[in-house]
């Protein structure tokens, strides 16, 4: 009943999307970009989409 469901793939995808977003953030900050770019919007949308399949306690 309270067992852990097998959603490791969703967690892995979510962590990868967050890592890509944070890597992009560091690169844009280093380049002096202060406004939202198209790349940021795409990566942020990917994080939001993968987040739907991950429980809050595993994010």
C-alpha atoms as a PDB file:
ATOM      1  CA  UNK A   1       0.000   0.000   0.000  1.00  0.00           C
ATOM      2  CA  UNK A   2       2.678   2.467   0.956  1.00  0.00           C
ATOM      3  CA  UNK A   3       5.398   0.927  -1.163  1.00  0.00           C
ATOM      4  CA  UNK A   4       7.608   2.993  -3.370  1.00  0.00           C
ATOM      5  CA  UNK A   5       6.356   3.063  -6.920  1.00  0.00           C
ATOM      6  CA  UNK A   6       8.814   2.494  -9.698  1.00  0.00           C
ATOM      7  CA  UNK A   7       9.170   6.022 -11.033  1.00  0.00           C
ATOM      8  CA  UNK A   8      12.956   6.105 -11.099  1.00  0.00           C
ATOM      9  CA  UNK A   9      12.914   6.994 -14.793  1.00  0.00           C
ATOM     10  CA  UNK A  10      10.759  10.041 -14.078  1.00  0.00           C
ATOM     11  CA  UNK A  11      13.065  11.106 -11.246  1.00  0.00           C
ATOM     12  CA  UNK A  12      16.126  10.660 -13.449  1.00  0.00           C
ATOM     13  CA  UNK A  13      14.541  12.680 -16.260  1.00  0.00           C
ATOM     14  CA  UNK A  14      13.564  15.441 -13.827  1.00  0.00           C
ATOM     15  CA  UNK A  15      17.051  15.654 -12.328  1.00  0.00           C
ATOM     16  CA  UNK A  16      18.605  15.761 -15.810  1.00  0.00           C
ATOM     17  CA  UNK A  17      16.256  18.561 -16.856  1.00  0.00           C
ATOM     18  CA  UNK A  18      17.060  20.546 -13.697  1.00  0.00           C
ATOM     19  CA  UNK A  19      20.794  20.047 -14.251  1.00  0.00           C
ATOM     20  CA  UNK A  20      20.520  21.295 -17.828  1.00  0.00           C
ATOM     21  CA  UNK A  21      18.553  24.339 -16.650  1.00  0.00           C
ATOM     22  CA  UNK A  22      21.103  25.168 -13.951  1.00  0.00           C
ATOM     23  CA  UNK A  23      24.052  24.652 -16.313  1.00  0.00           C
ATOM     24  CA  UNK A  24      22.415  27.003 -18.805  1.00  0.00           C
ATOM     25  CA  UNK A  25      21.792  29.521 -16.031  1.00  0.00           C
ATOM     26  CA  UNK A  26      25.470  29.524 -15.058  1.00  0.00           C
ATOM     27  CA  UNK A  27      26.554  29.922 -18.681  1.00  0.00           C
ATOM     28  CA  UNK A  28      24.135  32.779 -19.353  1.00  0.00           C
ATOM     29  CA  UNK A  29      25.096  34.531 -16.134  1.00  0.00           C
ATOM     30  CA  UNK A  30      28.782  34.251 -17.049  1.00  0.00           C
ATOM     31  CA  UNK A  31      27.998  35.687 -20.491  1.00  0.00           C
ATOM     32  CA  UNK A  32      26.218  38.650 -18.891  1.00  0.00           C
ATOM     33  CA  UNK A  33      22.758  37.703 -20.136  1.00  0.00           C
ATOM     34  CA  UNK A  34      20.170  38.956 -17.677  1.00  0.00           C
ATOM     35  CA  UNK A  35      16.884  38.467 -19.542  1.00  0.00           C
ATOM     36  CA  UNK A  36      15.041  35.241 -20.297  1.00  0.00           C
ATOM     37  CA  UNK A  37      16.214  33.586 -23.493  1.00  0.00           C
ATOM     38  CA  UNK A  38      14.504  31.056 -25.692  1.00  0.00           C
ATOM     39  CA  UNK A  39      16.823  28.355 -24.388  1.00  0.00           C
ATOM     40  CA  UNK A  40      15.873  29.200 -20.815  1.00  0.00           C
ATOM     41  CA  UNK A  41      12.180  28.991 -21.655  1.00  0.00           C
ATOM     42  CA  UNK A  42      12.590  25.597 -23.354  1.00  0.00           C
ATOM     43  CA  UNK A  43      14.607  24.153 -20.473  1.00  0.00           C
ATOM     44  CA  UNK A  44      12.230  25.572 -17.872  1.00  0.00           C
ATOM     45  CA  UNK A  45       9.267  24.057 -19.725  1.00  0.00           C
ATOM     46  CA  UNK A  46      11.058  20.693 -19.729  1.00  0.00           C
ATOM     47  CA  UNK A  47      11.584  20.920 -15.958  1.00  0.00           C
ATOM     48  CA  UNK A  48       7.936  21.805 -15.418  1.00  0.00           C
ATOM     49  CA  UNK A  49       6.783  18.935 -17.633  1.00  0.00           C
ATOM     50  CA  UNK A  50       8.963  16.298 -15.950  1.00  0.00           C
ATOM     51  CA  UNK A  51       8.019  17.589 -12.507  1.00  0.00           C
ATOM     52  CA  UNK A  52       4.435  16.416 -13.018  1.00  0.00           C
ATOM     53  CA  UNK A  53       5.514  12.774 -12.819  1.00  0.00           C
ATOM     54  CA  UNK A  54       7.690  13.064  -9.693  1.00  0.00           C
ATOM     55  CA  UNK A  55       6.277  13.176  -6.164  1.00  0.00           C
ATOM     56  CA  UNK A  56       7.082  16.323  -4.207  1.00  0.00           C
ATOM     57  CA  UNK A  57       9.264  14.450  -1.720  1.00  0.00           C
ATOM     58  CA  UNK A  58      11.583  13.186  -4.480  1.00  0.00           C
ATOM     59  CA  UNK A  59      12.229  16.494  -6.255  1.00  0.00           C
END
